[in-house]
Amino acid sequence: MINRIIEFSMKNRWLILAIYAVLAVLGYWALVHTPIDAIPDLSENQVIVFTDWQGRSPQEVEDQITYPLTVNLQGLPHVRTVRSASAFGFSMVNVIFEDSVDIYFARTRVLERLSLAGSFLPAGVTPMMGPDATGVGQVFWYTVEGPYDSGTLHSIQDWFVKYQLNSVPGVAEVASVGGFVRQYQIDLDPIKLRAYNIPLQNIVSAVERSNNNVGAKVVEAGDTEEIVRGIGLVRSLKDIEEISLGAYNGTPVTLGNVASVQLGPEFRRGVLDKDGKETVGGVVVIRYGANAREVIEAVKQKISEIEPGLPAGVKIVPFYDRSILIDHAVDTLRHALVEELILVTLAHVLFLWHFRSILVVTIPLPLAVLGAFLFMKGAGISSNIM
């Protein structure tokens, strides 16, 4: 068999050379386009379902959210196991699929089952799927720094930086970390409520009604139509204080008469610390199968584009960048391959001492490496430190 292959190759030299060239070109293309990362992705093929139910104990969350979700998600096709955890105010369910299942097929099946969740979950509770990322998807961390309080910096991160970075191809999620979420806070005076005989539910309903825009039809004026609408969204503390609660002995009563209104931080359970100081930041999570190095470079480019639009003195400072580790890993691989090729070639020179024989043995070596990358590309395996 080997003799026939050698004989065929000798008689069809140009065909063999053409096949070699095609494989070399395809291998180089695979080398360039194979996703590169420093950390091997050993995480399971999973879909995370997160459900928020504020103020509830872990036992209530387990009985009314986690257990019903777990039972309903177990019946999905190709599910290997379902793991769950209940904590104060939230539930997390991990649906583990078989490794051969496409991640987006799995997410579609989970989404179909979650569309029925409203029939067995408490009113107002909506489960959400986690991002289409793996356990090693956190590739870039940054802080938002400037001469402002943590609430203002968190608002800049949430309403400007986060949305801009989410538009980068390959980014699954940009999560905000640290700082305070600003909110309007109403502190009621129970003595004044008792004096005016106003129940708590009336105040909740009044605030909900007063923070709403209302649409209507149109009014014809000559050859034009003017749209009629009622604008009622809250824009300041004064708008909340002037919300009407009714009348007491003929005197109008507003929310400011029975409560104090101020801006304050939302309840939180964690902080982001940098060099011993609390700060505000974000975490960039890449999609399943994305090229970490390319996504990080695109994120850096987007940051340089949006920085001129930030308020004066505000800047985005990276403090974890996996591309540095990736570059080091690639350099290590490159040096190792070059050194091995040189050593093998020298060994061939010493033992064969014949130029054409050296070429026959040495030239296939880089083709073998390129062929390995071609198979990796075809199998969807990323190039990493392993």
Protein backbone atom coordinates (compact mmCIF):
# COMPACT_ATOMS: atom_id res chain seq x y z
CA MET A 1 0.00 0.00 0.00
CA ILE A 2 2.76 2.41 0.95
CA ASN A 3 4.66 1.55 -2.23
CA ARG A 4 1.59 2.34 -4.33
CA ILE A 5 1.15 5.71 -2.60
CA ILE A 6 4.80 6.56 -3.20
CA GLU A 7 4.58 5.45 -6.82
CA PHE A 8 1.40 7.48 -7.38
CA SER A 9 3.01 10.55 -5.77
CA MET A 10 6.12 10.26 -7.92
CA LYS A 11 4.09 9.98 -11.13
CA ASN A 12 1.77 12.88 -10.20
CA ARG A 13 4.15 15.39 -8.64
CA TRP A 14 2.25 18.48 -9.70
CA LEU A 15 -1.02 17.09 -8.38
CA ILE A 16 0.60 16.38 -5.00
CA LEU A 17 2.14 19.85 -4.94
CA ALA A 18 -1.24 21.38 -5.78
CA ILE A 19 -2.92 19.42 -2.97
CA TYR A 20 -0.13 20.52 -0.63
CA ALA A 21 -0.62 24.17 -1.62
CA VAL A 22 -4.42 23.97 -1.16
CA LEU A 23 -4.06 22.37 2.28
CA ALA A 24 -1.46 24.97 3.25
CA VAL A 25 -3.74 27.85 2.19
CA LEU A 26 -6.76 26.35 3.98
CA GLY A 27 -4.65 25.65 7.07
CA TYR A 28 -3.37 29.23 7.16
CA TRP A 29 -6.94 30.51 6.78
CA ALA A 30 -7.98 28.30 9.70
CA LEU A 31 -4.99 29.53 11.73
CA VAL A 32 -6.08 33.14 11.25
CA HIS A 33 -9.80 32.56 11.87
CA THR A 34 -9.71 30.00 14.68
CA PRO A 35 -10.93 31.63 17.94
CA ILE A 36 -8.02 32.35 20.26
CA ASP A 37 -8.21 32.36 24.04
CA ALA A 38 -5.82 31.84 26.91
CA ILE A 39 -8.15 29.76 29.09
CA PRO A 40 -9.66 26.46 27.86
CA ASP A 41 -13.44 26.42 28.04
CA LEU A 42 -14.27 23.43 30.23
CA SER A 43 -17.73 24.66 31.26
CA GLU A 44 -20.81 22.57 30.67
CA ASN A 45 -23.37 23.14 27.92
CA GLN A 46 -25.85 24.99 30.08
CA VAL A 47 -28.63 27.59 30.07
CA ILE A 48 -29.14 29.70 33.19
CA VAL A 49 -32.62 30.83 34.24
CA PHE A 50 -32.67 33.69 36.76
CA THR A 51 -35.82 34.80 38.59
CA ASP A 52 -36.02 37.86 40.83
CA TRP A 53 -38.59 37.98 43.67
CA GLN A 54 -37.55 40.77 45.99
CA GLY A 55 -38.08 40.53 49.72
CA ARG A 56 -38.92 36.83 49.79
CA SER A 57 -37.16 34.28 51.96
CA PRO A 58 -35.19 31.39 50.43
CA GLN A 59 -37.88 28.94 51.54
CA GLU A 60 -40.63 30.89 49.75
CA VAL A 61 -38.45 31.21 46.65
CA GLU A 62 -37.74 27.47 46.71
CA ASP A 63 -41.38 26.45 47.11
CA GLN A 64 -43.04 28.86 44.68
CA ILE A 65 -40.36 29.51 42.01
CA THR A 66 -37.37 27.17 42.05
CA TYR A 67 -39.21 23.87 42.43
CA PRO A 68 -41.93 24.57 39.79
CA LEU A 69 -39.32 25.79 37.30
CA THR A 70 -37.04 22.81 37.93
CA VAL A 71 -39.86 20.30 37.43
CA ASN A 72 -41.02 21.92 34.18
CA LEU A 73 -37.53 22.30 32.69
CA GLN A 74 -36.59 18.69 33.36
CA GLY A 75 -38.86 17.51 30.56
CA LEU A 76 -36.94 19.31 27.79
CA PRO A 77 -35.24 17.17 25.11
CA HIS A 78 -31.55 16.28 25.54
CA VAL A 79 -31.42 17.62 29.11
CA ARG A 80 -28.80 15.81 31.16
CA THR A 81 -29.55 17.35 34.55
CA VAL A 82 -31.08 20.41 36.19
CA ARG A 83 -29.41 22.17 39.12
CA SER A 84 -31.01 24.91 41.15
CA ALA A 85 -30.32 27.29 44.02
CA SER A 86 -32.63 29.49 46.08
CA ALA A 87 -31.47 32.59 47.93
CA PHE A 88 -32.92 35.69 49.51
CA GLY A 89 -34.93 37.43 46.80
CA PHE A 90 -33.91 35.38 43.77
CA SER A 91 -33.76 31.91 42.23
CA MET A 92 -31.21 30.43 39.81
CA VAL A 93 -31.77 27.28 37.76
CA ASN A 94 -28.99 25.73 35.63
CA VAL A 95 -30.26 23.49 32.83
CA ILE A 96 -27.39 21.22 31.70
CA PHE A 97 -27.74 19.84 28.16
CA GLU A 98 -25.78 17.11 26.45
CA ASP A 99 -22.54 18.28 24.87
CA SER A 100 -23.74 17.47 21.35
CA VAL A 101 -26.67 19.91 21.59
CA ASP A 102 -26.29 23.31 19.93
CA ILE A 103 -26.41 26.05 22.55
CA TYR A 104 -28.98 28.12 20.64
CA PHE A 105 -31.23 25.11 20.13
CA ALA A 106 -31.09 24.61 23.89
CA ARG A 107 -31.91 28.28 24.57
CA THR A 108 -34.87 28.11 22.20
CA ARG A 109 -36.30 25.08 23.99
CA VAL A 110 -35.88 26.76 27.38
CA LEU A 111 -37.50 29.97 26.09
CA GLU A 112 -40.51 28.01 24.83
CA ARG A 113 -40.99 26.42 28.24
CA LEU A 114 -40.58 29.77 30.04
CA SER A 115 -43.41 31.23 27.95
CA LEU A 116 -45.72 28.99 30.02
CA ALA A 117 -44.21 30.05 33.35
CA GLY A 118 -46.90 32.65 34.01
CA SER A 119 -49.42 29.86 34.58
CA PHE A 120 -47.63 28.40 37.61
CA LEU A 121 -45.48 31.24 39.02
CA PRO A 122 -46.68 34.02 41.37
CA ALA A 123 -48.19 37.10 39.75
CA GLY A 124 -45.63 39.64 38.60
CA VAL A 125 -42.70 37.20 38.64
CA THR A 126 -40.91 36.86 35.29
CA PRO A 127 -38.00 34.39 34.83
CA MET A 128 -35.15 35.50 32.57
CA MET A 129 -32.49 33.58 30.69
CA GLY A 130 -28.86 34.37 31.33
CA PRO A 131 -26.54 35.54 28.53
CA ASP A 132 -25.42 33.11 25.83
CA ALA A 133 -21.95 32.87 27.33
CA THR A 134 -19.77 30.27 29.03
CA GLY A 135 -18.21 30.17 32.47
CA VAL A 136 -15.02 31.78 31.14
CA GLY A 137 -16.79 34.54 29.20
CA GLN A 138 -15.64 37.44 31.41
CA VAL A 139 -12.79 38.79 29.26
CA PHE A 140 -12.69 42.51 30.09
CA TRP A 141 -13.28 44.53 33.26
CA TYR A 142 -13.18 48.30 33.51
CA THR A 143 -13.98 51.10 35.95
CA VAL A 144 -15.80 54.37 35.33
CA GLU A 145 -13.91 57.07 37.22
CA GLY A 146 -14.49 60.79 37.57
CA PRO A 147 -15.24 63.71 39.94
CA TYR A 148 -18.77 62.50 40.72
CA ASP A 149 -20.48 60.42 43.38
CA SER A 150 -20.92 56.69 42.88
CA GLY A 151 -24.63 57.10 42.08
CA THR A 152 -23.92 59.46 39.18
CA LEU A 153 -21.10 57.26 37.88
CA HIS A 154 -23.38 54.22 38.06
CA SER A 155 -26.02 56.11 36.05
CA ILE A 156 -23.40 56.97 33.40
CA GLN A 157 -22.41 53.31 33.26
CA ASP A 158 -26.00 52.04 33.08
CA TRP A 159 -27.47 54.54 30.61
CA PHE A 160 -24.53 55.31 28.32
CA VAL A 161 -21.41 53.14 28.54
CA LYS A 162 -23.27 49.85 28.95
CA TYR A 163 -25.52 50.33 25.93
CA GLN A 164 -22.65 51.40 23.70
CA LEU A 165 -20.50 48.37 24.58
CA ASN A 166 -23.47 46.03 24.19
CA SER A 167 -23.53 46.93 20.49
CA VAL A 168 -20.05 45.46 19.89
CA PRO A 169 -20.27 42.22 17.85
CA GLY A 170 -19.53 39.17 19.99
CA VAL A 171 -20.54 40.77 23.31
CA ALA A 172 -23.26 38.81 25.11
CA GLU A 173 -23.67 41.10 28.12
CA VAL A 174 -22.18 44.11 29.85
CA ALA A 175 -22.90 43.88 33.58
CA SER A 176 -22.65 46.87 35.92
CA VAL A 177 -20.77 46.37 39.18
CA GLY A 178 -20.40 48.65 42.19
CA GLY A 179 -21.87 52.04 43.01
CA PHE A 180 -25.47 52.89 43.83
CA VAL A 181 -28.59 52.81 41.68
CA ARG A 182 -30.32 56.19 42.15
CA GLN A 183 -34.00 56.13 42.97
CA TYR A 184 -36.78 58.35 44.28
CA GLN A 185 -37.53 57.47 47.90
CA ILE A 186 -40.76 58.33 49.73
CA ASP A 187 -40.62 58.21 53.54
CA LEU A 188 -44.15 58.26 54.95
CA ASP A 189 -45.09 59.76 58.30
CA PRO A 190 -47.54 57.28 59.93
CA ILE A 191 -48.87 59.93 62.34
CA LYS A 192 -49.85 62.26 59.49
CA LEU A 193 -51.38 59.37 57.56
CA ARG A 194 -53.53 58.53 60.57
CA ALA A 195 -54.50 62.15 60.98
CA TYR A 196 -55.69 62.44 57.38
CA ASN A 197 -57.14 58.90 57.45
CA ILE A 198 -55.24 57.91 54.28
CA PRO A 199 -54.44 54.18 53.83
CA LEU A 200 -51.09 53.10 52.42
CA GLN A 201 -52.66 51.53 49.33
CA ASN A 202 -54.12 54.89 48.30
CA ILE A 203 -50.63 56.42 48.26
CA VAL A 204 -49.23 53.56 46.16
CA SER A 205 -52.09 53.93 43.65
CA ALA A 206 -51.70 57.72 43.52
CA VAL A 207 -47.98 57.50 42.78
CA GLU A 208 -48.56 54.91 40.04
CA ARG A 209 -51.31 57.03 38.41
CA SER A 210 -49.22 60.20 38.53
CA ASN A 211 -46.15 58.67 36.86
CA ASN A 212 -47.77 57.85 33.54
CA ASN A 213 -48.25 59.32 30.07
CA VAL A 214 -51.73 59.11 28.54
CA GLY A 215 -52.49 59.04 24.82
CA ALA A 216 -55.61 60.34 23.11
CA LYS A 217 -56.82 61.04 19.58
CA VAL A 218 -56.23 64.11 17.43
CA VAL A 219 -57.79 67.55 17.04
CA GLU A 220 -58.31 68.86 13.51
CA ALA A 221 -57.22 72.47 13.10
CA GLY A 222 -57.56 73.64 9.52
CA ASP A 223 -55.56 71.35 7.29
CA THR A 224 -53.56 69.82 10.15
CA GLU A 225 -54.10 67.30 12.88
CA GLU A 226 -52.69 67.95 16.34
CA ILE A 227 -52.02 64.98 18.58
CA VAL A 228 -53.53 65.13 22.05
CA ARG A 229 -51.66 63.46 24.91
CA GLY A 230 -51.19 63.83 28.63
CA ILE A 231 -47.61 63.96 29.93
CA GLY A 232 -47.38 62.78 33.51
CA LEU A 233 -43.93 61.22 33.95
CA VAL A 234 -42.13 62.29 37.10
CA ARG A 235 -39.16 64.57 36.36
CA SER A 236 -38.22 65.98 39.77
CA LEU A 237 -38.80 65.65 43.50
CA LYS A 238 -41.30 68.49 43.34
CA ASP A 239 -43.48 66.51 40.92
CA ILE A 240 -43.73 63.70 43.48
CA GLU A 241 -44.39 66.05 46.38
CA GLU A 242 -47.32 67.63 44.49
CA ILE A 243 -49.12 64.35 43.82
CA SER A 244 -52.70 64.75 45.02
CA LEU A 245 -54.03 62.30 47.60
CA GLY A 246 -57.54 63.78 47.89
CA ALA A 247 -59.03 66.35 50.26
CA TYR A 248 -59.35 66.59 54.04
CA ASN A 249 -62.16 68.84 55.31
CA GLY A 250 -62.15 70.61 51.95
CA THR A 251 -58.36 71.14 51.92
CA PRO A 252 -56.31 69.38 49.19
CA VAL A 253 -53.75 66.93 50.56
CA THR A 254 -50.56 66.23 48.59
CA LEU A 255 -47.89 63.63 49.09
CA GLY A 256 -45.55 66.29 50.43
CA ASN A 257 -47.97 66.84 53.36
CA VAL A 258 -47.62 63.28 54.63
CA ALA A 259 -44.14 62.22 53.50
CA SER A 260 -40.62 63.41 52.76
CA VAL A 261 -39.26 62.77 49.25
CA GLN A 262 -35.59 62.56 48.36
CA LEU A 263 -33.10 60.93 46.02
CA GLY A 264 -31.33 57.97 47.55
CA PRO A 265 -29.51 54.71 46.76
CA GLU A 266 -31.24 51.44 46.04
CA PHE A 267 -30.59 48.59 48.47
CA ARG A 268 -27.46 46.69 47.47
CA ARG A 269 -25.49 43.67 48.70
CA GLY A 270 -22.05 44.12 47.14
CA VAL A 271 -19.36 46.61 46.17
CA LEU A 272 -16.51 46.90 43.66
CA ASP A 273 -13.16 47.69 45.28
CA LYS A 274 -10.07 48.98 43.46
CA ASP A 275 -6.87 49.87 45.33
CA GLY A 276 -8.80 50.00 48.59
CA LYS A 277 -11.41 52.47 47.27
CA GLU A 278 -14.99 51.82 46.23
CA THR A 279 -15.61 52.41 42.55
CA VAL A 280 -18.06 51.77 39.69
CA GLY A 281 -17.28 49.44 36.82
CA GLY A 282 -18.50 46.95 34.27
CA VAL A 283 -17.83 43.41 33.08
CA VAL A 284 -17.80 42.49 29.38
CA VAL A 285 -18.99 38.91 28.73
CA ILE A 286 -18.46 37.42 25.27
CA ARG A 287 -20.82 35.09 23.43
CA TYR A 288 -20.42 31.35 23.14
CA GLY A 289 -17.80 30.55 20.50
CA ALA A 290 -16.70 34.16 19.96
CA ASN A 291 -13.06 35.07 19.38
CA ALA A 292 -12.00 36.61 22.69
CA ARG A 293 -9.08 38.50 21.24
CA GLU A 294 -11.12 40.11 18.46
CA VAL A 295 -13.97 41.03 20.81
CA ILE A 296 -11.59 42.67 23.29
CA GLU A 297 -9.98 44.74 20.53
CA ALA A 298 -13.43 45.81 19.31
CA VAL A 299 -14.43 46.78 22.87
CA LYS A 300 -11.28 48.89 23.25
CA GLN A 301 -12.03 50.60 19.94
CA LYS A 302 -15.60 51.36 21.05
CA ILE A 303 -14.33 52.78 24.36
CA SER A 304 -11.99 55.15 22.52
CA GLU A 305 -14.96 56.28 20.39
CA ILE A 306 -17.35 56.99 23.27
CA GLU A 307 -14.90 58.61 25.70
CA PRO A 308 -15.15 62.08 24.04
CA GLY A 309 -18.90 62.00 24.74
CA LEU A 310 -18.54 61.36 28.48
CA PRO A 311 -19.03 64.17 31.02
CA ALA A 312 -15.98 66.28 31.79
CA GLY A 313 -13.44 64.40 33.90
CA VAL A 314 -15.04 60.96 33.44
CA LYS A 315 -12.86 58.23 31.96
CA ILE A 316 -13.02 54.48 31.41
CA VAL A 317 -10.04 52.63 32.90
CA PRO A 318 -9.46 48.92 32.09
CA PHE A 319 -8.17 46.82 35.00
CA TYR A 320 -8.57 43.27 33.64
CA ASP A 321 -7.73 42.55 30.01
CA ARG A 322 -7.44 38.90 28.98
CA SER A 323 -5.90 39.85 25.63
CA ILE A 324 -2.59 40.40 27.46
CA LEU A 325 -2.64 36.80 28.67
CA ILE A 326 -3.73 35.63 25.22
CA ASP A 327 -0.83 37.45 23.57
CA HIS A 328 1.63 35.88 26.01
CA ALA A 329 0.19 32.43 25.34
CA VAL A 330 0.37 32.95 21.57
CA ASP A 331 3.98 34.18 21.83
CA THR A 332 4.89 31.10 23.88
CA LEU A 333 3.31 28.83 21.28
CA ARG A 334 4.97 30.67 18.40
CA HIS A 335 8.45 30.46 19.97
CA ALA A 336 7.97 26.77 20.83
CA LEU A 337 6.90 25.89 17.28
CA VAL A 338 9.76 27.83 15.68
CA GLU A 339 12.31 26.28 18.02
CA GLU A 340 11.01 22.77 17.39
CA LEU A 341 11.02 23.25 13.62
CA ILE A 342 14.61 24.48 13.73
CA LEU A 343 15.74 21.62 15.96
CA VAL A 344 14.04 18.98 13.81
CA THR A 345 15.52 20.51 10.66
CA LEU A 346 19.03 20.49 12.19
CA ALA A 347 18.56 16.87 13.20
CA HIS A 348 17.60 16.00 9.62
CA VAL A 349 20.66 17.84 8.31
CA LEU A 350 22.99 15.96 10.64
CA PHE A 351 21.52 12.52 9.99
CA LEU A 352 20.59 12.72 6.30
CA TRP A 353 23.14 15.18 4.93
CA HIS A 354 21.17 15.34 1.67
CA PHE A 355 19.37 18.51 0.59
CA ARG A 356 16.39 16.94 -1.22
CA SER A 357 15.87 14.37 1.51
CA ILE A 358 15.91 17.15 4.09
CA LEU A 359 13.20 19.02 2.16
CA VAL A 360 11.05 15.89 1.87
CA VAL A 361 11.11 15.34 5.63
CA THR A 362 11.06 18.98 6.84
CA ILE A 363 8.51 20.66 4.56
CA PRO A 364 5.52 18.56 5.80
CA LEU A 365 6.12 19.78 9.37
CA PRO A 366 4.47 23.22 8.98
CA LEU A 367 1.74 21.55 6.91
CA ALA A 368 1.02 19.24 9.85
CA VAL A 369 0.63 22.25 12.14
CA LEU A 370 -1.64 24.04 9.66
CA GLY A 371 -3.63 20.84 9.21
CA ALA A 372 -4.16 20.65 12.95
CA PHE A 373 -5.63 24.16 12.93
CA LEU A 374 -7.81 23.19 9.97
CA PHE A 375 -9.31 20.30 11.96
CA MET A 376 -9.71 22.57 15.01
CA LYS A 377 -11.62 25.10 12.92
CA GLY A 378 -13.86 22.40 11.52
CA ALA A 379 -14.58 20.96 14.97
CA GLY A 380 -15.20 24.38 16.53
CA ILE A 381 -12.32 24.06 18.98
CA SER A 382 -10.64 27.28 20.09
CA SER A 383 -6.90 27.70 20.26
CA ASN A 384 -5.89 28.16 23.90
CA ILE A 385 -3.09 27.45 26.32
CA MET A 386 -4.00 23.73 26.41
